[in-house]
Amino acid sequence: MALLGKAAIAMWWDMAPEWRAEFEDWHSHEHFPERMGIPGFQRGSRWADAGGGEGFFILYELDRYETLVSEGYLSRLNQPTPWSSRLMPEHRNMVRSQCHVLESAGSALGGCMLTLRCSPASDGAQPLRDYLRGQAQACAMRPGTTGAHLLQTQTPDIAATTEQKIRGGDQAADWIYLVSGYDQQVLEAALETVLAPAALQAHGAGAVEFARVFTLRHSAESAARQPT
């Protein structure tokens, strides 16, 4: 199964060890249910740094890009709960990208997720997309991997929300490539071969800004998708 929809929110941040237990409690038992109750939100997943670091990766799969500016979503961003307001300042080094899904092949969920952030060179957008599309199709069938997905950030032209103001502002990625799988070593090997900076730059990429493997901690789907 590919990503559930045509848009996504991809986020990375660091959480200090002393906040981690409360953060995961809040994120699982308040924040995910809240977000999954917003029309257009299909599935959310939370991933932790596979190397034991402080980083988390969060992916929300949306039915369409317009959900990012919907009344239901903006009302939650501008009316955070007291628990959300308590934890938002602890989201350090926040990168929050609101994206179109350009390519999606195979399964979105496995035990592991490789996340890569890059930008195409000045004339490299189409060659890079072609290369990553081919890699996505291969990942859907390659031993150790289950699928891959290419996202491109397009930040909506809206005012900063209350949540953003509490965090102090967010950064955004440009292109995002995700590879899901069940074998962490296979994903890490891809970063040394087909997804190494030299390989990506040979196919149209500029600088590769970030590449890391995460492991699944929790996922949730929209109530509308759950069987009755």
Protein backbone atom coordinates (compact mmCIF):
# COMPACT_ATOMS: atom_id res chain seq x y z
CA MET A 1 0.00 0.00 0.00
CA ALA A 2 1.40 3.39 -0.98
CA LEU A 3 1.01 6.54 1.08
CA LEU A 4 -2.61 7.27 1.95
CA GLY A 5 -3.30 10.37 -0.10
CA LYS A 6 -1.68 13.06 -2.20
CA ALA A 7 -0.15 15.20 0.54
CA ALA A 8 1.86 14.79 3.72
CA ILE A 9 3.43 16.56 6.65
CA ALA A 10 6.97 15.41 7.41
CA MET A 11 8.60 16.60 10.64
CA TRP A 12 11.82 16.10 12.51
CA TRP A 13 12.76 17.34 15.96
CA ASP A 14 14.89 16.52 18.96
CA MET A 15 13.47 15.75 22.40
CA ALA A 16 15.69 15.80 25.50
CA PRO A 17 15.79 12.49 27.46
CA GLU A 18 14.09 14.01 30.51
CA TRP A 19 11.04 14.91 28.37
CA ARG A 20 10.86 11.79 26.24
CA ALA A 21 8.47 9.67 28.36
CA GLU A 22 5.96 12.50 28.77
CA PHE A 23 6.30 13.45 25.10
CA GLU A 24 5.48 9.94 23.88
CA ASP A 25 2.57 9.69 26.32
CA TRP A 26 1.14 12.99 25.06
CA HIS A 27 1.82 12.21 21.42
CA SER A 28 0.17 8.77 21.58
CA HIS A 29 -2.78 9.51 23.84
CA GLU A 30 -3.71 13.13 23.08
CA HIS A 31 -1.99 14.48 19.98
CA PHE A 32 -2.43 11.55 17.58
CA PRO A 33 -6.15 11.15 18.41
CA GLU A 34 -6.62 14.91 17.97
CA ARG A 35 -4.89 15.00 14.60
CA MET A 36 -6.58 11.81 13.38
CA GLY A 37 -9.93 13.45 14.12
CA ILE A 38 -9.27 16.23 11.60
CA PRO A 39 -11.03 15.62 8.26
CA GLY A 40 -8.45 14.69 5.64
CA PHE A 41 -5.87 13.20 8.01
CA GLN A 42 -5.51 9.54 7.02
CA ARG A 43 -2.62 8.15 9.10
CA GLY A 44 0.10 9.32 11.45
CA SER A 45 3.30 7.57 12.45
CA ARG A 46 6.06 8.35 14.95
CA TRP A 47 9.62 7.12 14.56
CA ALA A 48 12.65 7.33 16.87
CA ASP A 49 16.32 7.65 15.92
CA ALA A 50 17.56 4.10 15.28
CA GLY A 51 20.94 5.02 16.71
CA GLY A 52 19.50 5.95 20.10
CA GLY A 53 19.77 9.72 19.63
CA GLU A 54 17.25 12.36 20.63
CA GLY A 55 15.66 12.72 17.20
CA PHE A 56 12.12 11.83 16.16
CA PHE A 57 10.50 11.71 12.75
CA ILE A 58 6.74 12.22 12.38
CA LEU A 59 4.75 11.58 9.21
CA TYR A 60 1.12 12.53 8.61
CA GLU A 61 -0.51 11.24 5.44
CA LEU A 62 -3.28 13.49 4.09
CA ASP A 63 -5.97 12.95 1.49
CA ARG A 64 -5.11 16.12 -0.45
CA TYR A 65 -2.93 19.20 -0.24
CA GLU A 66 -5.87 21.49 0.58
CA THR A 67 -6.22 19.76 3.96
CA LEU A 68 -3.19 21.80 5.07
CA VAL A 69 -5.26 25.00 4.95
CA SER A 70 -8.56 23.51 6.05
CA GLU A 71 -10.57 25.06 8.88
CA GLY A 72 -10.33 21.86 10.91
CA TYR A 73 -6.53 21.76 10.82
CA LEU A 74 -5.91 25.49 11.28
CA SER A 75 -8.27 25.62 14.27
CA ARG A 76 -6.19 22.95 16.04
CA LEU A 77 -2.90 24.70 15.18
CA ASN A 78 -4.23 27.94 16.63
CA GLN A 79 -5.90 26.43 19.71
CA PRO A 80 -3.36 24.03 21.23
CA THR A 81 -4.37 22.16 24.35
CA PRO A 82 -2.66 22.97 27.68
CA TRP A 83 -0.60 19.76 27.37
CA SER A 84 0.43 20.68 23.83
CA SER A 85 1.39 24.18 24.96
CA ARG A 86 3.54 22.66 27.72
CA LEU A 87 5.45 20.40 25.32
CA MET A 88 5.77 22.55 22.19
CA PRO A 89 8.75 24.54 23.54
CA GLU A 90 10.62 21.24 24.04
CA HIS A 91 10.46 20.41 20.30
CA ARG A 92 14.05 21.41 19.47
CA ASN A 93 15.57 21.86 15.99
CA MET A 94 12.15 21.56 14.38
CA VAL A 95 11.93 20.90 10.64
CA ARG A 96 8.32 20.88 9.46
CA SER A 97 7.52 20.34 5.79
CA GLN A 98 4.07 20.48 4.25
CA CYS A 99 4.30 18.46 1.07
CA HIS A 100 2.90 17.18 -2.16
CA VAL A 101 3.44 13.47 -2.75
CA LEU A 102 5.34 13.19 -6.04
CA GLU A 103 5.96 9.44 -6.05
CA SER A 104 4.83 6.57 -3.81
CA ALA A 105 5.49 2.86 -4.28
CA GLY A 106 5.05 -0.13 -2.00
CA SER A 107 4.22 0.13 1.69
CA ALA A 108 4.50 3.22 3.87
CA LEU A 109 5.00 1.29 7.10
CA GLY A 110 7.75 -1.12 8.06
CA GLY A 111 9.77 -1.44 11.22
CA CYS A 112 12.31 1.11 9.95
CA MET A 113 12.23 4.31 7.91
CA LEU A 114 15.13 5.96 6.13
CA THR A 115 14.56 9.70 5.79
CA LEU A 116 16.62 11.85 3.45
CA ARG A 117 16.41 15.58 2.79
CA CYS A 118 17.95 17.12 -0.32
CA SER A 119 17.42 19.64 -3.11
CA PRO A 120 17.87 19.26 -6.86
CA ALA A 121 20.66 21.15 -8.59
CA SER A 122 19.62 24.05 -10.83
CA ASP A 123 18.92 21.77 -13.79
CA GLY A 124 18.52 18.50 -11.92
CA ALA A 125 14.86 18.32 -10.87
CA GLN A 126 13.66 15.95 -13.60
CA PRO A 127 16.74 13.67 -13.62
CA LEU A 128 16.61 13.41 -9.83
CA ARG A 129 12.90 12.64 -9.83
CA ASP A 130 13.40 9.99 -12.51
CA TYR A 131 16.20 8.39 -10.52
CA LEU A 132 14.27 8.38 -7.25
CA ARG A 133 11.17 7.06 -8.99
CA GLY A 134 13.18 4.10 -10.24
CA GLN A 135 14.63 3.52 -6.79
CA ALA A 136 11.13 3.64 -5.29
CA GLN A 137 9.87 0.94 -7.62
CA ALA A 138 12.90 -1.22 -6.76
CA CYS A 139 12.38 -0.67 -3.03
CA ALA A 140 8.87 -2.07 -3.24
CA MET A 141 10.38 -5.47 -4.06
CA ARG A 142 13.97 -5.43 -2.75
CA PRO A 143 14.73 -7.74 0.21
CA GLY A 144 14.78 -5.75 3.43
CA THR A 145 12.74 -2.84 2.07
CA THR A 146 9.01 -2.42 1.48
CA GLY A 147 8.59 0.85 -0.40
CA ALA A 148 9.73 4.40 -0.99
CA HIS A 149 8.13 7.80 -1.35
CA LEU A 150 9.20 11.19 -2.73
CA LEU A 151 7.73 14.36 -1.23
CA GLN A 152 8.21 17.99 -2.22
CA THR A 153 7.61 20.85 0.19
CA GLN A 154 5.23 23.63 -0.70
CA THR A 155 4.57 25.73 2.38
CA PRO A 156 1.05 27.23 2.34
CA ASP A 157 0.87 31.00 2.31
CA ILE A 158 -0.72 31.45 5.73
CA ALA A 159 0.19 33.37 8.87
CA ALA A 160 2.31 31.73 11.53
CA THR A 161 0.10 29.62 13.80
CA THR A 162 -0.03 29.64 17.59
CA GLU A 163 1.85 26.34 17.76
CA GLN A 164 4.64 27.71 15.56
CA LYS A 165 4.91 30.82 17.69
CA ILE A 166 5.22 28.71 20.85
CA ARG A 167 8.04 26.71 19.24
CA GLY A 168 9.75 29.87 18.04
CA GLY A 169 9.41 29.14 14.33
CA ASP A 170 10.16 26.09 12.20
CA GLN A 171 12.55 25.24 9.39
CA ALA A 172 11.42 23.39 6.26
CA ALA A 173 13.02 20.84 3.97
CA ASP A 174 12.83 20.90 0.15
CA TRP A 175 12.68 17.37 -1.29
CA ILE A 176 12.17 14.43 1.04
CA TYR A 177 12.79 10.79 0.21
CA LEU A 178 11.50 8.06 2.50
CA VAL A 179 12.35 4.37 2.34
CA SER A 180 10.44 1.94 4.55
CA GLY A 181 11.65 -1.53 5.40
CA TYR A 182 12.11 -4.31 7.91
CA ASP A 183 15.90 -4.60 7.88
CA GLN A 184 17.76 -1.65 9.36
CA GLN A 185 21.09 -2.77 7.90
CA VAL A 186 19.67 -2.78 4.37
CA LEU A 187 18.44 0.79 4.78
CA GLU A 188 21.76 1.92 6.21
CA ALA A 189 23.57 0.22 3.30
CA ALA A 190 21.48 2.23 0.85
CA LEU A 191 22.97 5.39 2.32
CA GLU A 192 26.39 4.09 1.27
CA THR A 193 25.33 3.01 -2.24
CA VAL A 194 22.26 4.04 -4.27
CA LEU A 195 21.37 6.91 -1.90
CA ALA A 196 24.89 8.06 -1.12
CA PRO A 197 25.49 11.79 -1.77
CA ALA A 198 27.72 11.02 -4.77
CA ALA A 199 25.05 8.79 -6.34
CA LEU A 200 22.32 11.39 -5.83
CA GLN A 201 24.49 14.21 -7.15
CA ALA A 202 25.31 12.14 -10.24
CA HIS A 203 21.56 12.09 -10.93
CA GLY A 204 20.72 15.75 -10.39
CA ALA A 205 20.87 16.43 -6.65
CA GLY A 206 22.58 19.38 -5.09
CA ALA A 207 23.55 19.18 -1.44
CA VAL A 208 22.20 16.29 0.65
CA GLU A 209 21.23 17.94 3.92
CA PHE A 210 20.16 15.04 6.14
CA ALA A 211 20.03 11.24 6.03
CA ARG A 212 19.09 9.03 8.97
CA VAL A 213 17.27 5.82 9.82
CA PHE A 214 14.42 5.73 12.37
CA THR A 215 12.43 2.91 13.95
CA LEU A 216 8.65 2.82 14.35
CA ARG A 217 7.25 3.71 17.76
CA HIS A 218 3.54 4.21 17.07
CA SER A 219 1.06 4.65 14.23
CA ALA A 220 -2.60 5.61 14.13
CA GLU A 221 -5.26 5.93 11.45
CA SER A 222 -8.24 8.20 11.02
CA ALA A 223 -11.35 7.00 12.79
CA ALA A 224 -13.08 7.11 9.41
CA ARG A 225 -10.67 4.44 8.12
CA GLN A 226 -11.08 2.06 11.08
CA PRO A 227 -13.52 -0.86 10.73
CA THR A 228 -16.79 -0.55 12.63
